[in-house]
PDB file of N, CA and C in Angstrom:
ATOM      1  N   MET A   1      21.747  12.689  40.794  1.00  0.00           N
ATOM      2  CA  MET A   1      22.723  12.529  39.878  1.00  0.00           C
ATOM      3  C   MET A   1      22.268  12.666  38.493  1.00  0.00           C
ATOM      4  N   VAL A   2      21.013  12.650  38.243  1.00  0.00           N
ATOM      5  CA  VAL A   2      20.494  12.799  36.884  1.00  0.00           C
ATOM      6  C   VAL A   2      20.859  14.238  36.325  1.00  0.00           C
ATOM      7  N   LYS A   3      20.722  15.184  37.243  1.00  0.00           N
ATOM      8  CA  LYS A   3      21.035  16.579  36.598  1.00  0.00           C
ATOM      9  C   LYS A   3      22.635  16.691  36.469  1.00  0.00           C
ATOM     10  N   LEU A   4      23.256  16.099  37.294  1.00  0.00           N
ATOM     11  CA  LEU A   4      24.851  16.245  37.245  1.00  0.00           C
ATOM     12  C   LEU A   4      25.306  15.533  35.910  1.00  0.00           C
ATOM     13  N   ARG A   5      24.598  14.448  35.407  1.00  0.00           N
ATOM     14  CA  ARG A   5      25.038  13.779  34.278  1.00  0.00           C
ATOM     15  C   ARG A   5      25.286  14.643  32.947  1.00  0.00           C
ATOM     16  N   HIS A   6      24.519  15.722  32.894  1.00  0.00           N
ATOM     17  CA  HIS A   6      24.344  16.488  31.759  1.00  0.00           C
ATOM     18  C   HIS A   6      25.366  17.819  31.960  1.00  0.00           C
ATOM     19  N   VAL A   7      25.956  18.041  33.021  1.00  0.00           N
ATOM     20  CA  VAL A   7      26.898  19.205  33.147  1.00  0.00           C
ATOM     21  C   VAL A   7      28.007  19.294  32.068  1.00  0.00           C
ATOM     22  N   LYS A   8      28.459  17.991  31.922  1.00  0.00           N
ATOM     23  CA  LYS A   8      29.699  18.000  30.835  1.00  0.00           C
ATOM     24  C   LYS A   8      29.188  18.514  29.434  1.00  0.00           C
ATOM     25  N   ASP A   9      27.950  18.363  29.245  1.00  0.00           N
ATOM     26  CA  ASP A   9      27.514  18.756  27.870  1.00  0.00           C
ATOM     27  C   ASP A   9      27.311  20.218  27.785  1.00  0.00           C
ATOM     28  N   HIS A  10      27.415  21.037  28.834  1.00  0.00           N
ATOM     29  CA  HIS A  10      27.050  22.445  28.765  1.00  0.00           C
ATOM     30  C   HIS A  10      28.449  23.319  29.029  1.00  0.00           C
ATOM     31  N   MET A  11      29.451  22.634  29.173  1.00  0.00           N
ATOM     32  CA  MET A  11      30.799  23.414  29.293  1.00  0.00           C
ATOM     33  C   MET A  11      31.117  24.275  27.921  1.00  0.00           C
ATOM     34  N   LEU A  12      31.474  25.452  28.201  1.00  0.00           N
ATOM     35  CA  LEU A  12      31.870  26.186  26.982  1.00  0.00           C
ATOM     36  C   LEU A  12      33.311  26.335  26.627  1.00  0.00           C
ATOM     37  N   THR A  13      34.280  26.092  27.472  1.00  0.00           N
ATOM     38  CA  THR A  13      35.593  26.045  27.071  1.00  0.00           C
ATOM     39  C   THR A  13      36.314  24.655  27.128  1.00  0.00           C
ATOM     40  N   THR A  14      37.379  24.482  26.438  1.00  0.00           N
ATOM     41  CA  THR A  14      38.021  23.347  26.176  1.00  0.00           C
ATOM     42  C   THR A  14      38.450  22.740  27.460  1.00  0.00           C
ATOM     43  N   GLU A  15      39.022  23.596  28.300  1.00  0.00           N
ATOM     44  CA  GLU A  15      39.427  23.124  29.675  1.00  0.00           C
ATOM     45  C   GLU A  15      38.261  22.861  30.609  1.00  0.00           C
ATOM     46  N   GLY A  16      37.109  23.536  30.406  1.00  0.00           N
ATOM     47  CA  GLY A  16      35.862  23.111  31.162  1.00  0.00           C
ATOM     48  C   GLY A  16      35.380  21.868  30.862  1.00  0.00           C
ATOM     49  N   ARG A  17      35.304  21.611  29.422  1.00  0.00           N
ATOM     50  CA  ARG A  17      34.909  20.205  29.040  1.00  0.00           C
ATOM     51  C   ARG A  17      35.835  19.167  29.458  1.00  0.00           C
ATOM     52  N   ARG A  18      37.043  19.328  29.506  1.00  0.00           N
ATOM     53  CA  ARG A  18      38.026  18.338  29.845  1.00  0.00           C
ATOM     54  C   ARG A  18      37.843  17.955  31.339  1.00  0.00           C
ATOM     55  N   LEU A  19      37.882  19.024  32.230  1.00  0.00           N
ATOM     56  CA  LEU A  19      37.532  18.897  33.685  1.00  0.00           C
ATOM     57  C   LEU A  19      36.248  18.161  33.829  1.00  0.00           C
ATOM     58  N   ALA A  20      35.128  18.690  33.268  1.00  0.00           N
ATOM     59  CA  ALA A  20      33.843  18.093  33.426  1.00  0.00           C
ATOM     60  C   ALA A  20      33.816  16.520  32.995  1.00  0.00           C
ATOM     61  N   LEU A  21      34.531  16.353  31.911  1.00  0.00           N
ATOM     62  CA  LEU A  21      34.467  14.960  31.496  1.00  0.00           C
ATOM     63  C   LEU A  21      35.245  13.925  32.471  1.00  0.00           C
ATOM     64  N   GLU A  22      36.316  14.580  33.021  1.00  0.00           N
ATOM     65  CA  GLU A  22      37.098  13.677  34.065  1.00  0.00           C
ATOM     66  C   GLU A  22      36.096  13.486  35.408  1.00  0.00           C
ATOM     67  N   ARG A  23      35.539  14.478  35.735  1.00  0.00           N
ATOM     68  CA  ARG A  23      34.631  14.435  36.897  1.00  0.00           C
ATOM     69  C   ARG A  23      33.346  13.497  36.646  1.00  0.00           C
ATOM     70  N   HIS A  24      32.939  13.439  35.443  1.00  0.00           N
ATOM     71  CA  HIS A  24      31.860  12.687  34.889  1.00  0.00           C
ATOM     72  C   HIS A  24      32.141  11.233  35.001  1.00  0.00           C
ATOM     73  N   HIS A  25      33.266  10.900  34.533  1.00  0.00           N
ATOM     74  CA  HIS A  25      33.846   9.386  34.542  1.00  0.00           C
ATOM     75  C   HIS A  25      34.025   9.145  36.200  1.00  0.00           C
ATOM     76  N   PHE A  26      34.541   9.991  36.934  1.00  0.00           N
ATOM     77  CA  PHE A  26      34.573   9.639  38.301  1.00  0.00           C
ATOM     78  C   PHE A  26      33.190   9.369  39.154  1.00  0.00           C
ATOM     79  N   MET A  27      32.179  10.259  38.538  1.00  0.00           N
ATOM     80  CA  MET A  27      30.942  10.038  39.124  1.00  0.00           C
ATOM     81  C   MET A  27      30.365   8.893  38.689  1.00  0.00           C
ATOM     82  N   GLU A  28      30.564   8.456  37.440  1.00  0.00           N
ATOM     83  CA  GLU A  28      29.978   7.194  36.978  1.00  0.00           C
ATOM     84  C   GLU A  28      30.594   6.028  37.747  1.00  0.00           C
ATOM     85  N   SER A  29      31.931   6.051  37.877  1.00  0.00           N
ATOM     86  CA  SER A  29      32.498   4.883  38.709  1.00  0.00           C
ATOM     87  C   SER A  29      32.016   4.822  40.068  1.00  0.00           C
ATOM     88  N   PHE A  30      31.913   6.041  40.646  1.00  0.00           N
ATOM     89  CA  PHE A  30      31.431   6.084  42.126  1.00  0.00           C
ATOM     90  C   PHE A  30      30.111   5.521  42.214  1.00  0.00           C
ATOM     91  N   PHE A  31      28.988   5.908  41.350  1.00  0.00           N
ATOM     92  CA  PHE A  31      27.738   5.205  41.428  1.00  0.00           C
ATOM     93  C   PHE A  31      27.678   3.923  41.110  1.00  0.00           C
ATOM     94  N   ALA A  32      28.409   3.472  40.183  1.00  0.00           N
ATOM     95  CA  ALA A  32      28.387   2.001  39.860  1.00  0.00           C
ATOM     96  C   ALA A  32      28.946   1.184  40.973  1.00  0.00           C
ATOM     97  N   ARG A  33      30.019   1.701  41.538  1.00  0.00           N
ATOM     98  CA  ARG A  33      30.433   0.914  42.818  1.00  0.00           C
ATOM     99  C   ARG A  33      29.384   0.909  43.888  1.00  0.00           C
ATOM    100  N   PHE A  34      28.854   2.177  44.105  1.00  0.00           N
ATOM    101  CA  PHE A  34      27.873   2.353  45.254  1.00  0.00           C
ATOM    102  C   PHE A  34      26.669   1.236  44.995  1.00  0.00           C
ATOM    103  N   VAL A  35      26.245   1.238  43.886  1.00  0.00           N
ATOM    104  CA  VAL A  35      25.027   0.210  43.603  1.00  0.00           C
ATOM    105  C   VAL A  35      25.583  -1.093  43.856  1.00  0.00           C
ATOM    106  N   ARG A  36      26.715  -1.572  43.347  1.00  0.00           N
ATOM    107  CA  ARG A  36      27.158  -2.928  43.682  1.00  0.00           C
ATOM    108  C   ARG A  36      27.445  -3.052  45.221  1.00  0.00           C
ATOM    109  N   GLU A  37      27.815  -2.160  45.832  1.00  0.00           N
ATOM    110  CA  GLU A  37      27.925  -2.302  47.332  1.00  0.00           C
ATOM    111  C   GLU A  37      26.544  -2.435  48.138  1.00  0.00           C
ATOM    112  N   TYR A  38      25.600  -1.505  47.459  1.00  0.00           N
ATOM    113  CA  TYR A  38      24.269  -1.575  48.002  1.00  0.00           C
ATOM    114  C   TYR A  38      23.502  -2.970  47.725  1.00  0.00           C
ATOM    115  N   ASP A  39      23.765  -3.541  46.596  1.00  0.00           N
ATOM    116  CA  ASP A  39      23.227  -4.839  46.299  1.00  0.00           C
ATOM    117  C   ASP A  39      24.002  -6.013  46.842  1.00  0.00           C
ATOM    118  N   GLY A  40      24.994  -5.759  47.660  1.00  0.00           N
ATOM    119  CA  GLY A  40      25.733  -6.760  48.450  1.00  0.00           C
ATOM    120  C   GLY A  40      26.704  -7.535  47.437  1.00  0.00           C
ATOM    121  N   GLU A  41      27.055  -6.936  46.267  1.00  0.00           N
ATOM    122  CA  GLU A  41      27.872  -7.544  45.356  1.00  0.00           C
ATOM    123  C   GLU A  41      29.377  -7.508  45.751  1.00  0.00           C
ATOM    124  N   LEU A  42      29.803  -6.378  46.576  1.00  0.00           N
ATOM    125  CA  LEU A  42      31.190  -6.164  46.884  1.00  0.00           C
ATOM    126  C   LEU A  42      31.214  -6.530  48.381  1.00  0.00           C
TER     127      LEU A  42
END
């Protein structure tokens, strides 16, 4: 995940940045939930 976190910063087009930002938010939400599940909080 560490490498994927920076993809959004390297997009060259407006559309690429928009898509990368959407996917970045999805990835952050996914991993936050994953950690909570792993820790037994969900």
